[in-house]
N, C-alpha and C. Protein backbone atom coordinates (compact mmCIF):
# COMPACT_ATOMS: atom_id res chain seq x y z
N MET A 1 -3.80 -2.46 -7.28
CA MET A 1 -3.12 -2.46 -8.26
C MET A 1 -3.60 -4.92 -8.17
N LYS A 2 -2.50 -5.10 -9.03
CA LYS A 2 -2.90 -6.67 -8.89
C LYS A 2 -0.81 -6.66 -8.98
N ALA A 3 -0.78 -7.82 -7.67
CA ALA A 3 0.28 -8.42 -8.05
C ALA A 3 1.36 -8.26 -9.04
N LYS A 4 0.71 -8.63 -10.04
CA LYS A 4 1.88 -8.94 -11.06
C LYS A 4 1.52 -7.68 -11.46
N GLU A 5 1.00 -6.32 -11.88
CA GLU A 5 1.85 -4.64 -12.39
C GLU A 5 2.73 -5.03 -10.90
N LEU A 6 3.03 -5.20 -9.92
CA LEU A 6 4.12 -4.80 -8.80
C LEU A 6 4.73 -5.25 -9.35
N LYS A 7 5.46 -6.48 -9.25
CA LYS A 7 6.16 -7.34 -9.64
C LYS A 7 7.02 -6.83 -10.66
N ALA A 8 6.82 -6.15 -12.12
CA ALA A 8 7.48 -5.46 -13.37
C ALA A 8 7.99 -4.03 -12.62
N ILE A 9 7.44 -3.43 -11.49
CA ILE A 9 7.79 -1.86 -10.56
C ILE A 9 9.58 -2.12 -9.97
N ASN A 10 10.50 -1.39 -10.32
CA ASN A 10 11.64 -1.75 -9.32
C ASN A 10 11.38 -1.24 -8.28
N GLU A 11 11.62 -1.24 -7.53
CA GLU A 11 11.81 -1.50 -6.12
C GLU A 11 12.11 0.02 -5.38
N GLN A 12 12.39 1.28 -6.09
CA GLN A 12 12.23 2.59 -5.35
C GLN A 12 10.89 2.85 -5.94
N ASP A 13 10.68 2.55 -7.14
CA ASP A 13 8.93 2.98 -6.69
C ASP A 13 8.40 1.98 -6.10
N LEU A 14 8.02 1.22 -5.77
CA LEU A 14 7.33 0.60 -4.95
C LEU A 14 7.62 0.88 -3.22
N GLU A 15 8.62 1.65 -2.84
CA GLU A 15 8.89 2.04 -1.70
C GLU A 15 8.22 3.87 -1.28
N ASN A 16 8.21 4.13 -2.86
CA ASN A 16 7.75 5.31 -2.72
C ASN A 16 6.49 5.26 -2.74
N LYS A 17 5.60 4.25 -3.45
CA LYS A 17 3.95 4.00 -3.20
C LYS A 17 3.43 3.78 -1.96
N ILE A 18 4.19 2.98 -1.53
CA ILE A 18 4.12 2.56 0.16
C ILE A 18 4.27 3.80 0.91
N ILE A 19 4.94 4.28 0.36
CA ILE A 19 4.66 5.95 1.18
C ILE A 19 3.32 5.92 1.36
N GLU A 20 3.63 6.18 -0.32
CA GLU A 20 2.23 7.82 -0.63
C GLU A 20 0.90 6.85 0.22
N LEU A 21 1.17 5.41 0.30
CA LEU A 21 -1.00 5.03 0.80
C LEU A 21 -0.87 4.84 2.16
N LYS A 22 0.36 4.76 2.43
CA LYS A 22 0.31 5.02 4.16
C LYS A 22 0.30 6.74 4.66
N LYS A 23 -0.04 7.56 4.08
CA LYS A 23 0.23 9.07 4.01
C LYS A 23 -1.26 9.45 4.22
N GLU A 24 -2.20 8.14 2.44
CA GLU A 24 -3.21 8.44 2.43
C GLU A 24 -3.83 7.91 3.21
N LEU A 25 -3.98 6.75 4.02
CA LEU A 25 -3.64 5.66 4.61
C LEU A 25 -4.37 6.65 6.28
N MET A 26 -3.95 7.27 6.84
CA MET A 26 -2.88 7.92 7.81
C MET A 26 -4.53 9.16 7.84
N LYS A 27 -4.43 9.91 7.29
CA LYS A 27 -4.88 11.05 7.13
C LYS A 27 -6.60 10.15 7.16
N VAL A 28 -7.78 9.48 5.66
CA VAL A 28 -8.57 8.67 6.26
C VAL A 28 -8.63 7.99 7.81
N ASN A 29 -7.37 7.53 8.22
CA ASN A 29 -7.73 7.19 9.99
C ASN A 29 -8.58 8.45 10.58
N SER A 30 -7.87 9.91 10.78
CA SER A 30 -7.66 10.68 11.56
C SER A 30 -8.82 10.99 11.04
N GLN A 31 -9.29 11.59 10.45
CA GLN A 31 -10.76 11.46 9.98
C GLN A 31 -12.23 11.02 10.32
N ILE A 32 -11.62 9.70 10.72
CA ILE A 32 -12.41 8.73 11.19
C ILE A 32 -11.84 8.36 12.32
N ALA A 33 -11.28 9.03 13.36
CA ALA A 33 -11.24 9.05 14.44
C ALA A 33 -11.78 10.74 14.85
N ILE A 34 -11.55 11.36 14.17
CA ILE A 34 -12.44 13.28 14.17
C ILE A 34 -13.70 12.53 14.62
N GLY A 35 -14.29 11.76 12.83
CA GLY A 35 -15.61 11.82 13.94
C GLY A 35 -16.63 11.91 12.54
N THR A 36 -15.77 11.93 11.34
CA THR A 36 -16.21 12.48 10.08
C THR A 36 -15.50 11.50 9.15
N VAL A 37 -17.64 11.11 8.47
CA VAL A 37 -17.38 10.07 7.72
C VAL A 37 -16.45 10.00 6.40
N PRO A 38 -15.82 9.23 5.74
CA PRO A 38 -14.26 9.56 4.84
C PRO A 38 -15.32 9.43 3.57
N LYS A 39 -15.22 9.85 2.43
CA LYS A 39 -16.13 9.74 0.89
C LYS A 39 -16.24 8.49 0.96
N SER A 40 -15.48 7.63 0.79
CA SER A 40 -15.55 6.42 0.37
C SER A 40 -14.75 4.93 1.22
N PRO A 41 -15.62 4.48 2.38
CA PRO A 41 -15.07 3.51 3.56
C PRO A 41 -14.49 2.25 3.25
N GLY A 42 -14.57 2.68 1.86
CA GLY A 42 -14.82 0.68 1.22
C GLY A 42 -12.74 0.76 0.55
N LYS A 43 -12.58 2.36 0.51
CA LYS A 43 -10.79 2.57 -0.20
C LYS A 43 -10.13 1.79 1.30
N VAL A 44 -11.81 2.81 2.74
CA VAL A 44 -9.87 2.51 3.73
C VAL A 44 -8.91 0.44 3.31
N ARG A 45 -10.15 0.19 3.76
CA ARG A 45 -9.31 -1.63 2.99
C ARG A 45 -8.33 -2.02 1.43
N GLU A 46 -9.30 -1.51 0.36
CA GLU A 46 -8.62 -1.48 -0.56
C GLU A 46 -7.08 -0.94 0.12
N MET A 47 -7.28 0.85 0.60
CA MET A 47 -5.33 0.57 0.53
C MET A 47 -4.82 -0.65 1.44
N LYS A 48 -5.85 -0.47 2.21
CA LYS A 48 -4.65 -2.04 3.44
C LYS A 48 -4.58 -2.86 2.75
N ARG A 49 -4.79 -3.76 1.51
CA ARG A 49 -5.33 -5.13 0.97
C ARG A 49 -3.62 -4.23 0.10
N ALA A 50 -3.87 -2.63 -0.43
CA ALA A 50 -2.80 -2.66 -1.42
C ALA A 50 -1.16 -2.32 -1.01
N ILE A 51 -1.13 -1.77 0.76
CA ILE A 51 0.05 -1.72 1.05
C ILE A 51 0.63 -3.91 1.29
N ALA A 52 0.05 -4.40 1.52
CA ALA A 52 -0.51 -5.37 2.06
C ALA A 52 0.98 -6.20 0.79
N ARG A 53 -0.01 -6.06 -0.28
CA ARG A 53 0.11 -6.16 -1.65
C ARG A 53 1.74 -6.62 -1.95
N ILE A 54 2.05 -4.71 -1.67
CA ILE A 54 3.32 -3.94 -2.57
C ILE A 54 4.28 -4.65 -1.38
N LEU A 55 4.18 -5.29 -0.18
CA LEU A 55 5.58 -5.73 0.79
C LEU A 55 5.55 -6.36 0.29
N THR A 56 4.11 -7.61 -0.11
CA THR A 56 4.68 -9.10 -0.32
C THR A 56 5.57 -8.61 -1.09
N VAL A 57 5.71 -8.21 -2.18
CA VAL A 57 5.99 -8.14 -3.65
C VAL A 57 7.75 -8.47 -3.17
N LYS A 58 8.13 -7.46 -2.51
CA LYS A 58 9.67 -6.81 -1.81
C LYS A 58 9.49 -7.59 -1.53
N ARG A 59 9.36 -7.66 -0.39
CA ARG A 59 10.27 -9.51 -0.17
C ARG A 59 9.92 -10.61 -0.77
N GLN A 60 9.23 -10.73 -1.77
CA GLN A 60 9.28 -11.73 -2.54
C GLN A 60 10.47 -11.50 -3.63
N LYS A 61 10.85 -10.38 -3.31
CA LYS A 61 11.91 -10.00 -4.84
C LYS A 61 13.45 -9.87 -4.37
N GLY A 62 12.99 -9.98 -2.39
CA GLY A 62 14.24 -9.28 -1.58
C GLY A 62 14.77 -11.07 -2.16
N GLY A 63 13.99 -11.84 -0.95
CA GLY A 63 14.29 -13.23 -1.36
C GLY A 63 14.54 -13.48 -2.43
N ALA A 64 14.35 -13.59 -4.01
CA ALA A 64 15.03 -14.65 -4.77
C ALA A 64 16.29 -13.51 -5.08
N LYS A 65 16.57 -12.05 -4.28
CA LYS A 65 17.66 -12.01 -4.70
C LYS A 65 19.38 -12.56 -3.42
N LYS A 66 18.38 -13.31 -2.47
CA LYS A 66 19.74 -13.20 -1.55
C LYS A 66 19.91 -15.24 -2.47
N GLU A 67 19.16 -15.20 -2.11
CA GLU A 67 19.19 -17.65 -2.65
C GLU A 67 19.95 -17.65 -4.15
């Protein structure tokens, strides 16, 4: 997801997306800890970046309301 797309989404949907991504990341991390190789190892990096983008957009939206 791109930041431009995320800015158009409301905060509740962003929160739901974060929760969904964190659950999926936790599953993949547990697979890695067990020793099995995930289906797509590059997806881990992409999920982490998506979570960071969402958090950044949320903080930007929150900061804009306070000012």
